Every structure is written in C-alpha cells, then in structure tokens.
Amino acid sequence: QVQLVESGGGLVQAGGSLRLSCTASGGTFSINAMGWYRQAPGKQRELVAAIASFGGTSYADSVKGRFTISRINIKRTVYLQMNSLKPEDTAVYYCNTKWDGSGRWTGTGDYWGQGTQVTVSS
C-alpha cells in the first residue's frame, strides 16, 4: 500500500513562488500516474495538475502557464512548481494516485497525502 507525504507549503506574497513535493513509499513509483489537487475553504476539491508515468502532463485552465508538475522517479517524488501565485491559489494541496500501475492519469485515485497548506497574501 502506498503512502504519500507532501511538503513545501507555506505563506507567500502574491507573485511569489513555491515548490511542493510529494514522496511515495511502497510499491513501484515509476509506473504510476500522480496528481495534485487543491481544496480552498468552502469549495470542492479540484484537480490542479497530473503527470503520467512517461511524463505526459495536464493542467487545470486556472494554473496553465504558472504551475509545472514534474517527477523524479529515482527519488519517488512528484513536484508542483507554482509561480506567479495569486490569492485565489490559497488552498490545501493534496497529492493523489490510483497506484494501479496503468501509467496514465485516468482520474482520482484512492490514495491521498495529508495535504500541505498554501497561503498567498495580497
């Protein structure tokens, strides 16, 4: 069973940058797609970005051109580089995976990290 641990959140001013990390333990990281979600107060959790095992990526329209998802398989880690942050990016960010070895991102999985808070001040 996979365990996901996020890190890298914090408080940043609008226009600033943060890099989130999610490290997986258990199983074979390299064959699994990974995703980042976020949930702001009073809102539904939404998919921010996803990356396939072979590196293909997808992004929510709201973050295209500002956020970059990447992975380093030997480190069992997926990253979310967030640039030009806006107050509306404030949320708890979660790592997610199906951990089914399919390689492609096919939607929300059952495995979640504990979340990391990102707060962007105006």
C-alpha atoms as a PDB file:
ATOM      1  CA  GLN A   1       0.000   0.000   0.000  1.00  0.00           C
ATOM      2  CA  VAL A   2       1.348   3.395  -0.950  1.00  0.00           C
ATOM      3  CA  GLN A   3       1.855   6.244   1.471  1.00  0.00           C
ATOM      4  CA  LEU A   4       2.105   9.822   0.201  1.00  0.00           C
ATOM      5  CA  VAL A   5       3.784  12.633   2.123  1.00  0.00           C
ATOM      6  CA  GLU A   6       3.587  16.229   0.912  1.00  0.00           C
ATOM      7  CA  SER A   7       5.830  19.109   1.874  1.00  0.00           C
ATOM      8  CA  GLY A   8       6.717  22.601   0.741  1.00  0.00           C
ATOM      9  CA  GLY A   9       3.646  24.635   1.565  1.00  0.00           C
ATOM     10  CA  GLY A  10       3.750  27.967   3.311  1.00  0.00           C
ATOM     11  CA  LEU A  11       2.878  31.634   3.225  1.00  0.00           C
ATOM     12  CA  VAL A  12       3.929  33.688   0.217  1.00  0.00           C
ATOM     13  CA  GLN A  13       3.071  37.069  -1.228  1.00  0.00           C
ATOM     14  CA  ALA A  14       1.157  37.388  -4.472  1.00  0.00           C
ATOM     15  CA  GLY A  15       3.521  36.992  -7.402  1.00  0.00           C
ATOM     16  CA  GLY A  16       5.802  34.701  -5.456  1.00  0.00           C
ATOM     17  CA  SER A  17       6.696  31.052  -5.945  1.00  0.00           C
ATOM     18  CA  LEU A  18       6.565  27.799  -4.017  1.00  0.00           C
ATOM     19  CA  ARG A  19       7.529  24.239  -4.848  1.00  0.00           C
ATOM     20  CA  LEU A  20       5.526  21.391  -3.401  1.00  0.00           C
ATOM     21  CA  SER A  21       6.881  17.862  -3.106  1.00  0.00           C
ATOM     22  CA  CYS A  22       5.106  14.552  -2.678  1.00  0.00           C
ATOM     23  CA  THR A  23       7.143  11.469  -1.874  1.00  0.00           C
ATOM     24  CA  ALA A  24       5.650   7.992  -2.197  1.00  0.00           C
ATOM     25  CA  SER A  25       6.636   4.914  -0.256  1.00  0.00           C
ATOM     26  CA  GLY A  26       5.602   1.347  -1.031  1.00  0.00           C
ATOM     27  CA  GLY A  27       5.311  -0.156  -4.488  1.00  0.00           C
ATOM     28  CA  THR A  28       6.793   0.945  -7.806  1.00  0.00           C
ATOM     29  CA  PHE A  29       6.598   4.712  -8.215  1.00  0.00           C
ATOM     30  CA  SER A  30       7.844   4.849 -11.789  1.00  0.00           C
ATOM     31  CA  ILE A  31       4.851   3.058 -13.325  1.00  0.00           C
ATOM     32  CA  ASN A  32       2.158   5.137 -11.655  1.00  0.00           C
ATOM     33  CA  ALA A  33       0.498   8.391 -12.640  1.00  0.00           C
ATOM     34  CA  MET A  34       0.355  11.110 -10.000  1.00  0.00           C
ATOM     35  CA  GLY A  35      -1.804  14.153  -9.472  1.00  0.00           C
ATOM     36  CA  TRP A  36      -2.080  17.308  -7.398  1.00  0.00           C
ATOM     37  CA  TYR A  37      -5.416  18.528  -6.092  1.00  0.00           C
ATOM     38  CA  ARG A  38      -6.336  21.540  -4.001  1.00  0.00           C
ATOM     39  CA  GLN A  39      -9.215  22.485  -1.776  1.00  0.00           C
ATOM     40  CA  ALA A  40      -9.968  26.027  -0.734  1.00  0.00           C
ATOM     41  CA  PRO A  41     -12.248  26.814   2.226  1.00  0.00           C
ATOM     42  CA  GLY A  42     -15.872  26.276   1.297  1.00  0.00           C
ATOM     43  CA  LYS A  43     -15.018  24.863  -2.126  1.00  0.00           C
ATOM     44  CA  GLN A  44     -14.811  21.416  -3.649  1.00  0.00           C
ATOM     45  CA  ARG A  45     -11.504  19.717  -4.111  1.00  0.00           C
ATOM     46  CA  GLU A  46     -10.238  20.276  -7.661  1.00  0.00           C
ATOM     47  CA  LEU A  47      -7.572  18.724  -9.850  1.00  0.00           C
ATOM     48  CA  VAL A  48      -4.679  21.104 -10.430  1.00  0.00           C
ATOM     49  CA  ALA A  49      -2.245  19.012 -12.456  1.00  0.00           C
ATOM     50  CA  ALA A  50      -1.444  15.409 -13.304  1.00  0.00           C
ATOM     51  CA  ILE A  51       1.541  13.561 -14.713  1.00  0.00           C
ATOM     52  CA  ALA A  52       1.715  10.162 -16.337  1.00  0.00           C
ATOM     53  CA  SER A  53       4.451   7.648 -15.696  1.00  0.00           C
ATOM     54  CA  PHE A  54       6.054   8.561 -19.025  1.00  0.00           C
ATOM     55  CA  GLY A  55       5.913  12.281 -18.236  1.00  0.00           C
ATOM     56  CA  GLY A  56       2.827  13.458 -20.076  1.00  0.00           C
ATOM     57  CA  THR A  57       1.148  16.289 -18.183  1.00  0.00           C
ATOM     58  CA  SER A  58      -2.207  18.032 -17.912  1.00  0.00           C
ATOM     59  CA  TYR A  59      -3.286  21.181 -16.077  1.00  0.00           C
ATOM     60  CA  ALA A  60      -6.369  22.987 -14.908  1.00  0.00           C
ATOM     61  CA  ASP A  61      -7.011  26.091 -17.006  1.00  0.00           C
ATOM     62  CA  SER A  62      -6.624  28.282 -13.936  1.00  0.00           C
ATOM     63  CA  VAL A  63      -2.969  27.309 -13.470  1.00  0.00           C
ATOM     64  CA  LYS A  64      -1.745  26.814 -17.048  1.00  0.00           C
ATOM     65  CA  GLY A  65       1.409  28.778 -17.699  1.00  0.00           C
ATOM     66  CA  ARG A  66       2.037  29.323 -13.978  1.00  0.00           C
ATOM     67  CA  PHE A  67       2.328  25.834 -12.482  1.00  0.00           C
ATOM     68  CA  THR A  68       4.539  22.947 -13.597  1.00  0.00           C
ATOM     69  CA  ILE A  69       4.211  19.348 -12.495  1.00  0.00           C
ATOM     70  CA  SER A  70       7.246  17.087 -12.752  1.00  0.00           C
ATOM     71  CA  ARG A  71       8.595  13.862 -11.325  1.00  0.00           C
ATOM     72  CA  ILE A  72      11.914  12.259 -10.472  1.00  0.00           C
ATOM     73  CA  ASN A  73      11.328   8.536 -10.355  1.00  0.00           C
ATOM     74  CA  ILE A  74      14.556   7.603  -8.626  1.00  0.00           C
ATOM     75  CA  LYS A  75      13.525   9.915  -5.778  1.00  0.00           C
ATOM     76  CA  ARG A  76       9.936   8.584  -5.829  1.00  0.00           C
ATOM     77  CA  THR A  77       8.814  12.192  -5.803  1.00  0.00           C
ATOM     78  CA  VAL A  78       6.405  14.349  -7.762  1.00  0.00           C
ATOM     79  CA  TYR A  79       6.738  18.139  -7.667  1.00  0.00           C
ATOM     80  CA  LEU A  80       4.464  21.083  -8.250  1.00  0.00           C
ATOM     81  CA  GLN A  81       6.325  24.274  -9.078  1.00  0.00           C
ATOM     82  CA  MET A  82       3.972  27.203  -8.552  1.00  0.00           C
ATOM     83  CA  ASN A  83       4.941  30.592  -9.953  1.00  0.00           C
ATOM     84  CA  SER A  84       3.094  33.912 -10.167  1.00  0.00           C
ATOM     85  CA  LEU A  85       0.932  32.862  -7.261  1.00  0.00           C
ATOM     86  CA  LYS A  86      -2.377  34.598  -6.710  1.00  0.00           C
ATOM     87  CA  PRO A  87      -4.536  34.900  -3.581  1.00  0.00           C
ATOM     88  CA  GLU A  88      -7.058  32.581  -5.240  1.00  0.00           C
ATOM     89  CA  ASP A  89      -4.418  29.838  -5.221  1.00  0.00           C
ATOM     90  CA  THR A  90      -4.755  29.701  -1.441  1.00  0.00           C
ATOM     91  CA  ALA A  91      -5.785  26.156  -0.513  1.00  0.00           C
ATOM     92  CA  VAL A  92      -4.688  22.888   0.992  1.00  0.00           C
ATOM     93  CA  TYR A  93      -2.819  20.975  -1.717  1.00  0.00           C
ATOM     94  CA  TYR A  94      -3.017  17.188  -1.855  1.00  0.00           C
ATOM     95  CA  CYS A  95      -1.092  14.526  -3.721  1.00  0.00           C
ATOM     96  CA  ASN A  96      -3.197  11.729  -5.225  1.00  0.00           C
ATOM     97  CA  THR A  97      -2.790   8.478  -7.125  1.00  0.00           C
ATOM     98  CA  LYS A  98      -4.646   5.315  -8.087  1.00  0.00           C
ATOM     99  CA  TRP A  99      -1.418   3.333  -7.733  1.00  0.00           C
ATOM    100  CA  ASP A 100      -2.693   0.787 -10.235  1.00  0.00           C
ATOM    101  CA  GLY A 101       0.373   0.635 -12.456  1.00  0.00           C
ATOM    102  CA  SER A 102      -1.523   1.811 -15.538  1.00  0.00           C
ATOM    103  CA  GLY A 103       0.848   4.703 -16.111  1.00  0.00           C
ATOM    104  CA  ARG A 104      -1.770   7.082 -17.494  1.00  0.00           C
ATOM    105  CA  TRP A 105      -3.746   9.591 -15.492  1.00  0.00           C
ATOM    106  CA  THR A 106      -7.344   8.327 -15.554  1.00  0.00           C
ATOM    107  CA  GLY A 107      -8.867  10.230 -12.666  1.00  0.00           C
ATOM    108  CA  THR A 108      -8.955  10.443  -8.910  1.00  0.00           C
ATOM    109  CA  GLY A 109      -7.389   7.595  -7.021  1.00  0.00           C
ATOM    110  CA  ASP A 110      -7.987   6.233  -3.561  1.00  0.00           C
ATOM    111  CA  TYR A 111      -4.632   7.272  -2.146  1.00  0.00           C
ATOM    112  CA  TRP A 112      -4.159  10.745  -0.705  1.00  0.00           C
ATOM    113  CA  GLY A 113      -1.444  12.530   1.174  1.00  0.00           C
ATOM    114  CA  GLN A 114      -2.149  14.503   4.323  1.00  0.00           C
ATOM    115  CA  GLY A 115      -2.124  17.832   2.487  1.00  0.00           C
ATOM    116  CA  THR A 116       0.026  20.933   2.726  1.00  0.00           C
ATOM    117  CA  GLN A 117      -1.311  24.455   3.228  1.00  0.00           C
ATOM    118  CA  VAL A 118      -0.507  27.155   0.694  1.00  0.00           C
ATOM    119  CA  THR A 119      -1.485  30.703   1.598  1.00  0.00           C
ATOM    120  CA  VAL A 120      -0.995  33.585  -0.818  1.00  0.00           C
ATOM    121  CA  SER A 121      -1.333  37.064   0.613  1.00  0.00           C
ATOM    122  CA  SER A 122      -2.336  40.059  -1.487  1.00  0.00           C
END
